[in-house]
Protein backbone atom coordinates (compact mmCIF):
# COMPACT_ATOMS: atom_id res chain seq x y z
CA UNK A 1 108.72 85.84 94.90
CA UNK A 2 107.11 82.96 92.93
CA UNK A 3 103.72 83.45 93.35
CA UNK A 4 102.26 80.51 91.06
CA UNK A 5 100.58 78.25 93.19
CA UNK A 6 102.01 79.86 96.28
CA UNK A 7 101.31 78.11 99.59
CA UNK A 8 102.37 78.93 103.26
CA UNK A 9 100.40 77.47 106.25
CA UNK A 10 102.51 79.72 109.00
CA UNK A 11 101.93 83.36 107.54
CA UNK A 12 98.90 85.46 107.03
CA UNK A 13 98.93 84.97 103.32
CA UNK A 14 98.24 81.00 103.20
CA UNK A 15 97.62 80.56 99.31
CA UNK A 16 97.90 82.97 96.15
CA UNK A 17 96.56 80.92 93.19
CA UNK A 18 96.72 82.44 89.39
CA UNK A 19 94.51 81.70 86.56
CA UNK A 20 94.89 83.62 83.75
CA UNK A 21 94.12 87.42 84.66
CA UNK A 22 92.65 86.60 87.92
CA UNK A 23 94.55 85.99 91.26
CA UNK A 24 92.99 84.29 94.44
CA UNK A 25 94.82 85.75 97.32
CA UNK A 26 93.86 83.47 100.66
CA UNK A 27 94.42 85.05 104.01
CA UNK A 28 94.28 83.61 107.32
CA UNK A 29 94.50 84.51 110.97
CA UNK A 30 94.32 87.94 112.06
CA UNK A 31 95.71 90.40 110.06
CA UNK A 32 97.38 93.39 112.11
CA UNK A 33 100.30 95.62 112.28
CA UNK A 34 102.32 92.20 112.72
CA UNK A 35 101.82 90.71 109.72
CA UNK A 36 100.12 93.06 107.35
CA UNK A 37 103.67 93.86 105.64
CA UNK A 38 103.61 90.27 104.68
CA UNK A 39 100.20 90.85 102.86
CA UNK A 40 101.18 93.88 101.65
CA UNK A 41 104.37 92.37 99.98
CA UNK A 42 101.97 89.54 98.39
CA UNK A 43 99.91 92.04 96.89
CA UNK A 44 102.57 94.44 95.53
CA UNK A 45 103.88 91.64 93.55
CA UNK A 46 100.87 90.94 91.94
CA UNK A 47 100.19 94.51 91.23
CA UNK A 48 103.12 95.06 89.53
CA UNK A 49 102.36 92.19 87.42
CA UNK A 50 99.35 94.19 86.83
CA UNK A 51 97.06 91.34 87.26
CA UNK A 52 93.56 92.46 86.02
CA UNK A 53 91.28 90.68 88.84
CA UNK A 54 92.53 90.25 92.38
CA UNK A 55 90.20 88.27 94.84
CA UNK A 56 90.95 88.42 98.51
CA UNK A 57 89.18 85.46 100.19
CA UNK A 58 89.04 86.67 104.09
CA UNK A 59 86.72 83.69 105.08
CA UNK A 60 89.80 82.64 107.51
CA UNK A 61 90.50 86.09 108.80
CA UNK A 62 88.72 86.53 112.23
CA UNK A 63 89.95 90.26 112.96
CA UNK A 64 91.82 93.01 110.88
CA UNK A 65 93.05 96.01 112.39
CA UNK A 66 93.65 99.70 110.99
CA UNK A 67 96.98 98.50 109.51
CA UNK A 68 95.08 95.62 107.74
CA UNK A 69 92.63 98.09 106.52
CA UNK A 70 95.29 100.42 105.26
CA UNK A 71 97.10 97.53 103.15
CA UNK A 72 94.06 96.98 101.81
CA UNK A 73 93.38 100.41 100.71
CA UNK A 74 96.57 100.98 99.36
CA UNK A 75 96.27 97.65 97.25
CA UNK A 76 92.87 99.08 96.10
CA UNK A 77 94.54 102.66 95.16
CA UNK A 78 97.09 101.11 93.19
CA UNK A 79 95.07 98.57 91.24
CA UNK A 80 93.06 101.19 90.15
CA UNK A 81 95.35 103.07 88.80
CA UNK A 82 95.93 100.36 86.14
CA UNK A 83 92.13 99.71 85.96
CA UNK A 84 92.27 96.60 87.71
CA UNK A 85 89.78 95.11 90.08
CA UNK A 86 89.87 94.14 93.81
CA UNK A 87 87.21 92.00 95.29
CA UNK A 88 86.93 90.89 99.00
CA UNK A 89 84.87 87.96 99.66
CA UNK A 90 84.02 85.78 102.59
CA UNK A 91 84.13 88.34 105.70
CA UNK A 92 83.33 87.48 108.84
CA UNK A 93 81.01 89.44 110.85
CA UNK A 94 83.46 91.03 113.00
CA UNK A 95 85.70 91.99 110.23
CA UNK A 96 82.52 93.28 108.13
CA UNK A 97 81.85 95.41 110.87
CA UNK A 98 85.17 97.19 110.89
CA UNK A 99 84.91 98.10 107.07
CA UNK A 100 81.15 99.17 107.99
CA UNK A 101 82.52 101.77 110.56
CA UNK A 102 85.21 102.91 108.59
CA UNK A 103 82.60 103.45 105.92
CA UNK A 104 84.49 101.33 103.18
CA UNK A 105 81.68 99.14 102.35
CA UNK A 106 81.07 101.73 99.29
CA UNK A 107 84.61 102.11 98.33
CA UNK A 108 85.69 98.09 98.18
CA UNK A 109 83.73 95.57 96.11
CA UNK A 110 82.48 93.38 98.69
CA UNK A 111 80.86 89.72 98.02
């Protein structure tokens, strides 16, 4: 998968921008069990490259289920193994409440 300036209007991974040691992954639509495997694949490619800082833009994600959470938790664990950083931002209220209910707001860096 070539991620430099990756764009896909149809899937959950709308865009991936790599700028030096930082990658920004823009997600869209619901992140659920049907599409979380696509998110996992995109994140795995960045993690294999050991990108030091990965930002995930969730502004266009109205809903996330437990499989979406599991995908992000797995990515966070793998990123921490190489001392990288995962930052989530733009969480809509509904998505933010899922993180709060699951008590994940202290585990993830959320901006």
